[in-house]
Amino acid sequence: MPVPHARPITLTAAERRRLTVLAYSHTAGYQQVMRARIVCDAARGDSNAVIARRHEITVDTVRRWRDRFAEQGLAGLADRPRSGRPARFTPVQVAEVKALACQLPAETGTPLSKWTCPDLAAWVNEIEIYFSIVQRKVLTPNDFTSLDQVEDRLTAFEQRYNATARPFRWKFTPADLEDLMTRIERHEQKEQNLQQPDGCDHQPSALALGRITPEGFTT
């Protein structure tokens, strides 16, 4: 199979000045700096393979940004809109939830139990489980040569995961939560009844009691 020729890059004086400043910027993001360096090197006539070795990135990454600049100029170096599910909440709803979360429950008349219900605990655990899956299936082994590779792999996994993911089956019931809270209360009461030496600022911890998992409560 014939090897495709790298597209020639020609810069105007204004484009060269802007890309040079960006390529050596200490405040711009890594990706923007790397894209500017790729285009500058390409404008000097370097091949994709040479640019890839110089910056320790893949040839595909070099080809992508070289082609985008050749087709769209500076605008081609910007990130494209991400595909995915449409937003389920309006910006106003998001702002209202954030404002509510920044207030004390007593200020809004919301019972404290609403902030510690199994639903919230389930969401927190689900987030932890998702990041655990990402760590095992996406970030391991850690053989990336650039942040572009990390971004591409994460994006591909996110799209595949969102299309195939199914809800976790939670076995931790409200009764289990009530039992856990009772045990924590007993544990704290016992700790308070124990006489502590002077200068000891030990605080009772509920972490030793166990943790919530998709399979239920474990100790």
C-alpha atoms as a PDB file:
ATOM      1  CA  MET A   1       0.000   0.000   0.000  1.00  0.00           C
ATOM      2  CA  PRO A   2       1.477   3.349  -0.962  1.00  0.00           C
ATOM      3  CA  VAL A   3       2.290   5.707   1.895  1.00  0.00           C
ATOM      4  CA  PRO A   4       0.198   8.915   1.700  1.00  0.00           C
ATOM      5  CA  HIS A   5       2.246  12.059   1.232  1.00  0.00           C
ATOM      6  CA  ALA A   6       2.116  14.653   3.985  1.00  0.00           C
ATOM      7  CA  ARG A   7       0.140  17.714   3.006  1.00  0.00           C
ATOM      8  CA  PRO A   8       2.324  20.791   2.482  1.00  0.00           C
ATOM      9  CA  ILE A   9       1.783  23.640   4.915  1.00  0.00           C
ATOM     10  CA  THR A  10       2.295  27.294   3.985  1.00  0.00           C
ATOM     11  CA  LEU A  11       1.952  29.987   6.629  1.00  0.00           C
ATOM     12  CA  THR A  12       1.188  33.657   6.263  1.00  0.00           C
ATOM     13  CA  ALA A  13       3.266  36.068   8.307  1.00  0.00           C
ATOM     14  CA  ALA A  14       0.398  36.571  10.739  1.00  0.00           C
ATOM     15  CA  GLU A  15      -0.161  32.812  11.144  1.00  0.00           C
ATOM     16  CA  ARG A  16       3.545  32.224  11.717  1.00  0.00           C
ATOM     17  CA  ARG A  17       3.734  34.883  14.438  1.00  0.00           C
ATOM     18  CA  ARG A  18       0.658  33.574  16.199  1.00  0.00           C
ATOM     19  CA  LEU A  19       1.724  29.923  16.038  1.00  0.00           C
ATOM     20  CA  THR A  20       5.253  30.724  17.201  1.00  0.00           C
ATOM     21  CA  VAL A  21       3.963  32.569  20.247  1.00  0.00           C
ATOM     22  CA  LEU A  22       1.594  29.698  21.033  1.00  0.00           C
ATOM     23  CA  ALA A  23       4.247  27.023  20.488  1.00  0.00           C
ATOM     24  CA  TYR A  24       6.437  28.531  23.219  1.00  0.00           C
ATOM     25  CA  SER A  25       3.666  29.632  25.544  1.00  0.00           C
ATOM     26  CA  HIS A  26       3.914  28.761  29.238  1.00  0.00           C
ATOM     27  CA  THR A  27       0.269  29.525  29.951  1.00  0.00           C
ATOM     28  CA  ALA A  28      -1.582  27.857  27.055  1.00  0.00           C
ATOM     29  CA  GLY A  29      -2.848  24.296  27.400  1.00  0.00           C
ATOM     30  CA  TYR A  30      -0.577  21.399  26.474  1.00  0.00           C
ATOM     31  CA  GLN A  31      -2.725  20.360  23.536  1.00  0.00           C
ATOM     32  CA  GLN A  32      -2.799  23.832  21.989  1.00  0.00           C
ATOM     33  CA  VAL A  33       0.971  24.175  22.363  1.00  0.00           C
ATOM     34  CA  MET A  34       1.583  20.775  20.775  1.00  0.00           C
ATOM     35  CA  ARG A  35      -0.736  21.497  17.837  1.00  0.00           C
ATOM     36  CA  ALA A  36       1.061  24.778  17.165  1.00  0.00           C
ATOM     37  CA  ARG A  37       4.441  23.022  17.208  1.00  0.00           C
ATOM     38  CA  ILE A  38       3.193  20.369  14.808  1.00  0.00           C
ATOM     39  CA  VAL A  39       2.074  23.000  12.303  1.00  0.00           C
ATOM     40  CA  CYS A  40       5.295  25.011  12.670  1.00  0.00           C
ATOM     41  CA  ASP A  41       7.385  21.911  12.027  1.00  0.00           C
ATOM     42  CA  ALA A  42       5.188  20.948   9.087  1.00  0.00           C
ATOM     43  CA  ALA A  43       5.613  24.414   7.599  1.00  0.00           C
ATOM     44  CA  ARG A  44       9.391  23.855   7.671  1.00  0.00           C
ATOM     45  CA  GLY A  45       8.883  20.776   5.545  1.00  0.00           C
ATOM     46  CA  ASP A  46       9.375  18.094   8.196  1.00  0.00           C
ATOM     47  CA  SER A  47       7.650  14.760   7.610  1.00  0.00           C
ATOM     48  CA  ASN A  48       4.967  13.408   9.913  1.00  0.00           C
ATOM     49  CA  ALA A  49       7.314  10.688  11.164  1.00  0.00           C
ATOM     50  CA  VAL A  50      10.050  13.195  12.025  1.00  0.00           C
ATOM     51  CA  ILE A  51       7.602  15.463  13.870  1.00  0.00           C
ATOM     52  CA  ALA A  52       6.161  12.499  15.759  1.00  0.00           C
ATOM     53  CA  ARG A  53       9.600  11.358  16.949  1.00  0.00           C
ATOM     54  CA  ARG A  54      10.635  14.881  17.924  1.00  0.00           C
ATOM     55  CA  HIS A  55       7.629  15.448  20.156  1.00  0.00           C
ATOM     56  CA  GLU A  56       7.122  11.810  21.211  1.00  0.00           C
ATOM     57  CA  ILE A  57       3.595  11.574  19.823  1.00  0.00           C
ATOM     58  CA  THR A  58       1.973   9.295  17.268  1.00  0.00           C
ATOM     59  CA  VAL A  59       2.102   9.831  13.510  1.00  0.00           C
ATOM     60  CA  ASP A  60      -1.701   9.765  13.453  1.00  0.00           C
ATOM     61  CA  THR A  61      -1.790  12.723  15.830  1.00  0.00           C
ATOM     62  CA  VAL A  62       0.606  14.690  13.639  1.00  0.00           C
ATOM     63  CA  ARG A  63      -1.366  13.839  10.502  1.00  0.00           C
ATOM     64  CA  ARG A  64      -4.657  14.847  12.090  1.00  0.00           C
ATOM     65  CA  TRP A  65      -3.584  18.379  13.044  1.00  0.00           C
ATOM     66  CA  ARG A  66      -1.555  18.859   9.895  1.00  0.00           C
ATOM     67  CA  ASP A  67      -4.596  18.004   7.779  1.00  0.00           C
ATOM     68  CA  ARG A  68      -6.943  20.147   9.836  1.00  0.00           C
ATOM     69  CA  PHE A  69      -4.711  23.182   9.481  1.00  0.00           C
ATOM     70  CA  ALA A  70      -4.325  22.577   5.751  1.00  0.00           C
ATOM     71  CA  GLU A  71      -8.116  22.515   5.383  1.00  0.00           C
ATOM     72  CA  GLN A  72      -9.246  25.146   7.897  1.00  0.00           C
ATOM     73  CA  GLY A  73      -6.249  27.200   8.938  1.00  0.00           C
ATOM     74  CA  LEU A  74      -5.975  28.317  12.574  1.00  0.00           C
ATOM     75  CA  ALA A  75      -9.638  27.503  13.164  1.00  0.00           C
ATOM     76  CA  GLY A  76      -8.864  23.835  12.489  1.00  0.00           C
ATOM     77  CA  LEU A  77      -6.671  23.640  15.590  1.00  0.00           C
ATOM     78  CA  ALA A  78      -9.614  24.223  17.925  1.00  0.00           C
ATOM     79  CA  ASP A  79     -11.450  21.314  19.532  1.00  0.00           C
ATOM     80  CA  ARG A  80     -14.585  20.231  17.715  1.00  0.00           C
ATOM     81  CA  PRO A  81     -17.896  19.929  19.563  1.00  0.00           C
ATOM     82  CA  ARG A  82     -18.203  16.616  21.358  1.00  0.00           C
ATOM     83  CA  SER A  83     -20.905  14.201  20.325  1.00  0.00           C
ATOM     84  CA  GLY A  84     -23.043  12.599  22.982  1.00  0.00           C
ATOM     85  CA  ARG A  85     -26.365  12.653  24.685  1.00  0.00           C
ATOM     86  CA  PRO A  86     -28.317  15.919  24.638  1.00  0.00           C
ATOM     87  CA  ALA A  87     -28.361  17.851  27.883  1.00  0.00           C
ATOM     88  CA  ARG A  88     -31.033  16.573  30.289  1.00  0.00           C
ATOM     89  CA  PHE A  89     -31.107  19.734  32.396  1.00  0.00           C
ATOM     90  CA  THR A  90     -31.276  23.363  31.369  1.00  0.00           C
ATOM     91  CA  PRO A  91     -28.552  25.821  32.477  1.00  0.00           C
ATOM     92  CA  VAL A  92     -31.086  27.387  34.850  1.00  0.00           C
ATOM     93  CA  GLN A  93     -31.800  24.029  36.497  1.00  0.00           C
ATOM     94  CA  VAL A  94     -28.091  23.336  36.875  1.00  0.00           C
ATOM     95  CA  ALA A  95     -27.556  26.747  38.477  1.00  0.00           C
ATOM     96  CA  GLU A  96     -30.474  26.189  40.872  1.00  0.00           C
ATOM     97  CA  VAL A  97     -29.111  22.818  41.998  1.00  0.00           C
ATOM     98  CA  LYS A  98     -25.639  24.288  42.564  1.00  0.00           C
ATOM     99  CA  ALA A  99     -27.135  27.148  44.569  1.00  0.00           C
ATOM    100  CA  LEU A 100     -29.144  24.686  46.684  1.00  0.00           C
ATOM    101  CA  ALA A 101     -26.067  22.551  47.322  1.00  0.00           C
ATOM    102  CA  CYS A 102     -24.215  25.596  48.664  1.00  0.00           C
ATOM    103  CA  GLN A 103     -26.856  26.248  51.330  1.00  0.00           C
ATOM    104  CA  LEU A 104     -27.405  24.572  54.666  1.00  0.00           C
ATOM    105  CA  PRO A 105     -30.433  22.235  54.754  1.00  0.00           C
ATOM    106  CA  ALA A 106     -31.993  24.356  57.544  1.00  0.00           C
ATOM    107  CA  GLU A 107     -31.934  27.443  55.304  1.00  0.00           C
ATOM    108  CA  THR A 108     -34.168  25.789  52.725  1.00  0.00           C
ATOM    109  CA  GLY A 109     -36.335  23.732  55.047  1.00  0.00           C
ATOM    110  CA  THR A 110     -34.925  20.510  53.633  1.00  0.00           C
ATOM    111  CA  PRO A 111     -34.636  17.713  56.230  1.00  0.00           C
ATOM    112  CA  LEU A 112     -31.096  16.538  56.807  1.00  0.00           C
ATOM    113  CA  SER A 113     -32.146  12.988  55.957  1.00  0.00           C
ATOM    114  CA  LYS A 114     -32.750  14.089  52.374  1.00  0.00           C
ATOM    115  CA  TRP A 115     -29.046  14.758  52.047  1.00  0.00           C
ATOM    116  CA  THR A 116     -28.001  11.323  53.317  1.00  0.00           C
ATOM    117  CA  CYS A 117     -30.535   9.067  51.654  1.00  0.00           C
ATOM    118  CA  PRO A 118     -29.573   5.850  49.851  1.00  0.00           C
ATOM    119  CA  ASP A 119     -30.078   7.543  46.484  1.00  0.00           C
ATOM    120  CA  LEU A 120     -27.239   9.983  47.109  1.00  0.00           C
ATOM    121  CA  ALA A 121     -25.051   7.240  48.511  1.00  0.00           C
ATOM    122  CA  ALA A 122     -25.785   5.134  45.436  1.00  0.00           C
ATOM    123  CA  TRP A 123     -24.814   7.960  43.095  1.00  0.00           C
ATOM    124  CA  VAL A 124     -21.535   8.544  44.916  1.00  0.00           C
ATOM    125  CA  ASN A 125     -20.690   4.854  44.790  1.00  0.00           C
ATOM    126  CA  GLU A 126     -21.679   4.645  41.129  1.00  0.00           C
ATOM    127  CA  ILE A 127     -19.265   7.456  40.301  1.00  0.00           C
ATOM    128  CA  GLU A 128     -16.494   5.675  42.181  1.00  0.00           C
ATOM    129  CA  ILE A 129     -17.249   2.443  40.337  1.00  0.00           C
ATOM    130  CA  TYR A 130     -17.190   4.220  36.962  1.00  0.00           C
ATOM    131  CA  PHE A 131     -13.763   5.709  37.650  1.00  0.00           C
ATOM    132  CA  SER A 132     -12.580   2.284  38.746  1.00  0.00           C
ATOM    133  CA  ILE A 133     -13.745   0.871  35.406  1.00  0.00           C
ATOM    134  CA  VAL A 134     -11.960   3.665  33.541  1.00  0.00           C
ATOM    135  CA  GLN A 135      -8.767   2.953  35.465  1.00  0.00           C
ATOM    136  CA  ARG A 136      -8.872  -0.767  34.622  1.00  0.00           C
ATOM    137  CA  LYS A 137     -10.112  -0.666  31.030  1.00  0.00           C
ATOM    138  CA  VAL A 138      -8.775   2.644  29.692  1.00  0.00           C
ATOM    139  CA  LEU A 139      -5.777   3.882  31.648  1.00  0.00           C
ATOM    140  CA  THR A 140      -4.110   0.510  32.224  1.00  0.00           C
ATOM    141  CA  PRO A 141      -1.488  -0.141  31.028  1.00  0.00           C
ATOM    142  CA  ASN A 142      -0.141   3.391  31.194  1.00  0.00           C
ATOM    143  CA  ASP A 143       1.576   3.302  27.799  1.00  0.00           C
ATOM    144  CA  PHE A 144       0.478   6.683  26.442  1.00  0.00           C
ATOM    145  CA  THR A 145       2.999   8.881  24.669  1.00  0.00           C
ATOM    146  CA  SER A 146       0.875  12.038  24.677  1.00  0.00           C
ATOM    147  CA  LEU A 147      -2.210  13.592  26.204  1.00  0.00           C
ATOM    148  CA  ASP A 148      -3.866  13.397  22.787  1.00  0.00           C
ATOM    149  CA  GLN A 149      -3.770   9.611  23.025  1.00  0.00           C
ATOM    150  CA  VAL A 150      -5.324   9.731  26.498  1.00  0.00           C
ATOM    151  CA  GLU A 151      -8.060  12.058  25.252  1.00  0.00           C
ATOM    152  CA  ASP A 152      -8.810   9.901  22.203  1.00  0.00           C
ATOM    153  CA  ARG A 153      -9.013   6.684  24.220  1.00  0.00           C
ATOM    154  CA  LEU A 154     -11.190   8.250  26.918  1.00  0.00           C
ATOM    155  CA  THR A 155     -13.545   9.738  24.323  1.00  0.00           C
ATOM    156  CA  ALA A 156     -13.897   6.430  22.488  1.00  0.00           C
ATOM    157  CA  PHE A 157     -14.540   4.576  25.749  1.00  0.00           C
ATOM    158  CA  GLU A 158     -17.111   7.159  26.885  1.00  0.00           C
ATOM    159  CA  GLN A 159     -19.092   6.826  23.660  1.00  0.00           C
ATOM    160  CA  ARG A 160     -18.993   3.012  23.788  1.00  0.00           C
ATOM    161  CA  TYR A 161     -19.815   2.891  27.502  1.00  0.00           C
ATOM    162  CA  ASN A 162     -22.770   5.277  27.210  1.00  0.00           C
ATOM    163  CA  ALA A 163     -24.202   3.154  24.401  1.00  0.00           C
ATOM    164  CA  THR A 164     -23.946  -0.165  26.262  1.00  0.00           C
ATOM    165  CA  ALA A 165     -23.985   0.627  30.005  1.00  0.00           C
ATOM    166  CA  ARG A 166     -26.745  -0.782  32.169  1.00  0.00           C
ATOM    167  CA  PRO A 167     -27.851   0.374  35.648  1.00  0.00           C
ATOM    168  CA  PHE A 168     -26.102  -1.169  38.625  1.00  0.00           C
ATOM    169  CA  ARG A 169     -28.261  -3.470  40.739  1.00  0.00           C
ATOM    170  CA  TRP A 170     -28.110  -2.053  44.238  1.00  0.00           C
ATOM    171  CA  LYS A 171     -28.801  -4.325  47.205  1.00  0.00           C
ATOM    172  CA  PHE A 172     -28.264  -1.671  49.883  1.00  0.00           C
ATOM    173  CA  THR A 173     -31.814  -0.873  51.043  1.00  0.00           C
ATOM    174  CA  PRO A 174     -33.181   1.932  53.249  1.00  0.00           C
ATOM    175  CA  ALA A 175     -33.354  -0.611  56.068  1.00  0.00           C
ATOM    176  CA  ASP A 176     -29.659  -1.341  55.600  1.00  0.00           C
ATOM    177  CA  LEU A 177     -28.916   2.383  55.797  1.00  0.00           C
ATOM    178  CA  GLU A 178     -30.986   2.734  58.989  1.00  0.00           C
ATOM    179  CA  ASP A 179     -29.107  -0.173  60.521  1.00  0.00           C
ATOM    180  CA  LEU A 180     -25.786   1.370  59.535  1.00  0.00           C
ATOM    181  CA  MET A 181     -26.711   4.730  61.049  1.00  0.00           C
ATOM    182  CA  THR A 182     -27.763   2.971  64.265  1.00  0.00           C
ATOM    183  CA  ARG A 183     -24.448   1.168  64.452  1.00  0.00           C
ATOM    184  CA  ILE A 184     -22.561   4.413  63.838  1.00  0.00           C
ATOM    185  CA  GLU A 185     -24.535   6.138  66.593  1.00  0.00           C
ATOM    186  CA  ARG A 186     -23.794   3.313  69.028  1.00  0.00           C
ATOM    187  CA  HIS A 187     -20.129   3.396  68.076  1.00  0.00           C
ATOM    188  CA  GLU A 188     -19.891   7.157  68.604  1.00  0.00           C
ATOM    189  CA  GLN A 189     -21.715   6.923  71.929  1.00  0.00           C
ATOM    190  CA  LYS A 190     -19.326   4.219  73.082  1.00  0.00           C
ATOM    191  CA  GLU A 191     -16.337   6.327  72.077  1.00  0.00           C
ATOM    192  CA  GLN A 192     -17.714   9.320  73.956  1.00  0.00           C
ATOM    193  CA  ASN A 193     -18.187   7.250  77.094  1.00  0.00           C
ATOM    194  CA  LEU A 194     -14.580   6.135  77.105  1.00  0.00           C
ATOM    195  CA  GLN A 195     -12.260   8.326  79.092  1.00  0.00           C
ATOM    196  CA  GLN A 196      -9.532   9.698  76.824  1.00  0.00           C
ATOM    197  CA  PRO A 197      -6.061  10.726  78.012  1.00  0.00           C
ATOM    198  CA  ASP A 198      -5.261  14.425  78.216  1.00  0.00           C
ATOM    199  CA  GLY A 199      -4.105  15.876  74.911  1.00  0.00           C
ATOM    200  CA  CYS A 200      -5.778  13.158  72.883  1.00  0.00           C
ATOM    201  CA  ASP A 201      -7.960  14.588  70.153  1.00  0.00           C
ATOM    202  CA  HIS A 202      -9.012  11.265  68.680  1.00  0.00           C
ATOM    203  CA  GLN A 203     -12.279  11.463  66.783  1.00  0.00           C
ATOM    204  CA  PRO A 204     -14.581   8.455  66.295  1.00  0.00           C
ATOM    205  CA  SER A 205     -14.660   7.205  62.765  1.00  0.00           C
ATOM    206  CA  ALA A 206     -17.399   5.335  60.963  1.00  0.00           C
ATOM    207  CA  LEU A 207     -15.056   4.175  58.247  1.00  0.00           C
ATOM    208  CA  ALA A 208     -14.033   1.161  60.276  1.00  0.00           C
ATOM    209  CA  LEU A 209     -17.620  -0.042  60.306  1.00  0.00           C
ATOM    210  CA  GLY A 210     -17.690  -0.908  56.630  1.00  0.00           C
ATOM    211  CA  ARG A 211     -18.552   0.481  53.247  1.00  0.00           C
ATOM    212  CA  ILE A 212     -21.364   0.466  50.691  1.00  0.00           C
ATOM    213  CA  THR A 213     -20.823  -1.530  47.509  1.00  0.00           C
ATOM    214  CA  PRO A 214     -23.146  -2.612  44.665  1.00  0.00           C
ATOM    215  CA  GLU A 215     -23.374  -5.985  46.412  1.00  0.00           C
ATOM    216  CA  GLY A 216     -24.522  -4.418  49.694  1.00  0.00           C
ATOM    217  CA  PHE A 217     -22.834  -3.370  52.909  1.00  0.00           C
ATOM    218  CA  THR A 218     -19.508  -5.010  53.748  1.00  0.00           C
ATOM    219  CA  THR A 219     -17.360  -4.734  56.845  1.00  0.00           C
END
